[in-house]
């Protein structure tokens, strides 16, 4: 079992997840792995690095947001039920 598998095996994850956010997710590798463990309706990856827009893993429900933390008001309170 690799490091990321060990981490995710310790998290109680609702299934399905409506909206999942990874802040500082770079290319979205963690999100790809998590999407294989359970159904995620909408995957958001926010990063200040432009690689967030690469969509390296081609997830259909993947939304990249290239911005700083002070731009997060675009999301309503309690929009995300899982943060990684």
Protein backbone atom coordinates (compact mmCIF):
# COMPACT_ATOMS: atom_id res chain seq x y z
CA UNK A 1 0.00 0.00 0.00
CA UNK A 2 1.53 3.33 -1.04
CA UNK A 3 1.45 6.54 1.01
CA UNK A 4 -1.68 8.04 -0.57
CA UNK A 5 -3.59 4.76 -0.20
CA UNK A 6 -2.71 4.70 3.52
CA UNK A 7 -3.93 8.27 3.99
CA UNK A 8 -7.24 7.77 2.19
CA UNK A 9 -7.87 4.47 3.96
CA UNK A 10 -7.98 6.41 7.26
CA UNK A 11 -10.64 8.90 6.09
CA UNK A 12 -14.34 8.17 6.45
CA UNK A 13 -15.60 9.20 3.03
CA UNK A 14 -19.27 9.74 2.19
CA UNK A 15 -20.36 8.06 -1.01
CA UNK A 16 -21.27 9.75 -3.26
CA UNK A 17 -19.49 13.03 -2.61
CA UNK A 18 -21.36 15.98 -4.12
CA UNK A 19 -18.51 18.54 -4.19
CA UNK A 20 -14.88 17.81 -3.35
CA UNK A 21 -12.15 20.44 -3.11
CA UNK A 22 -8.43 20.06 -3.08
CA UNK A 23 -6.72 23.33 -2.30
CA UNK A 24 -3.19 23.42 -3.69
CA UNK A 25 -3.73 20.23 -5.65
CA UNK A 26 -1.30 20.97 -8.47
CA UNK A 27 -2.13 18.54 -11.31
CA UNK A 28 -4.84 16.73 -9.33
CA UNK A 29 -3.15 13.39 -8.62
CA UNK A 30 -4.87 12.99 -5.22
CA UNK A 31 -8.23 13.77 -6.79
CA UNK A 32 -7.71 11.11 -9.43
CA UNK A 33 -7.00 8.51 -6.78
CA UNK A 34 -9.96 9.59 -4.62
CA UNK A 35 -12.29 9.45 -7.64
CA UNK A 36 -11.32 5.80 -8.06
CA UNK A 37 -12.30 5.05 -4.45
CA UNK A 38 -15.75 6.60 -4.55
CA UNK A 39 -18.15 8.54 -6.74
CA UNK A 40 -17.57 12.30 -6.78
CA UNK A 41 -20.10 14.41 -8.63
CA UNK A 42 -17.96 17.57 -8.87
CA UNK A 43 -14.20 17.78 -8.34
CA UNK A 44 -12.61 21.19 -7.75
CA UNK A 45 -8.88 21.76 -7.71
CA UNK A 46 -7.67 25.22 -6.70
CA UNK A 47 -4.05 26.22 -7.03
CA UNK A 48 -1.90 29.30 -7.59
CA UNK A 49 0.16 27.27 -10.08
CA UNK A 50 -1.05 27.19 -13.69
CA UNK A 51 -0.54 23.40 -13.87
CA UNK A 52 -3.95 23.17 -12.21
CA UNK A 53 -5.39 23.85 -15.66
CA UNK A 54 -3.53 20.99 -17.35
CA UNK A 55 -6.34 18.48 -16.73
CA UNK A 56 -3.65 15.82 -16.87
CA UNK A 57 -5.99 13.04 -15.79
CA UNK A 58 -9.01 14.00 -17.97
CA UNK A 59 -11.72 13.62 -15.32
CA UNK A 60 -15.08 14.62 -16.80
CA UNK A 61 -16.32 16.36 -13.67
CA UNK A 62 -13.02 18.15 -12.92
CA UNK A 63 -13.05 21.91 -12.47
CA UNK A 64 -9.73 23.69 -12.12
CA UNK A 65 -9.54 27.11 -10.54
CA UNK A 66 -6.34 29.08 -10.99
CA UNK A 67 -6.47 31.71 -8.27
CA UNK A 68 -5.28 32.90 -4.89
CA UNK A 69 -7.03 32.00 -1.63
CA UNK A 70 -8.65 35.44 -1.42
CA UNK A 71 -10.78 34.55 -4.48
CA UNK A 72 -12.62 31.71 -2.73
CA UNK A 73 -15.73 33.80 -2.13
CA UNK A 74 -16.95 32.44 -5.47
CA UNK A 75 -18.17 29.40 -3.50
CA UNK A 76 -21.10 29.55 -1.08
CA UNK A 77 -20.64 28.52 2.57
CA UNK A 78 -20.86 24.75 3.06
CA UNK A 79 -20.55 24.15 -0.69
CA UNK A 80 -17.89 21.49 -0.13
CA UNK A 81 -18.46 18.47 2.05
CA UNK A 82 -14.94 17.08 1.70
CA UNK A 83 -11.66 18.97 1.68
CA UNK A 84 -8.35 17.24 0.98
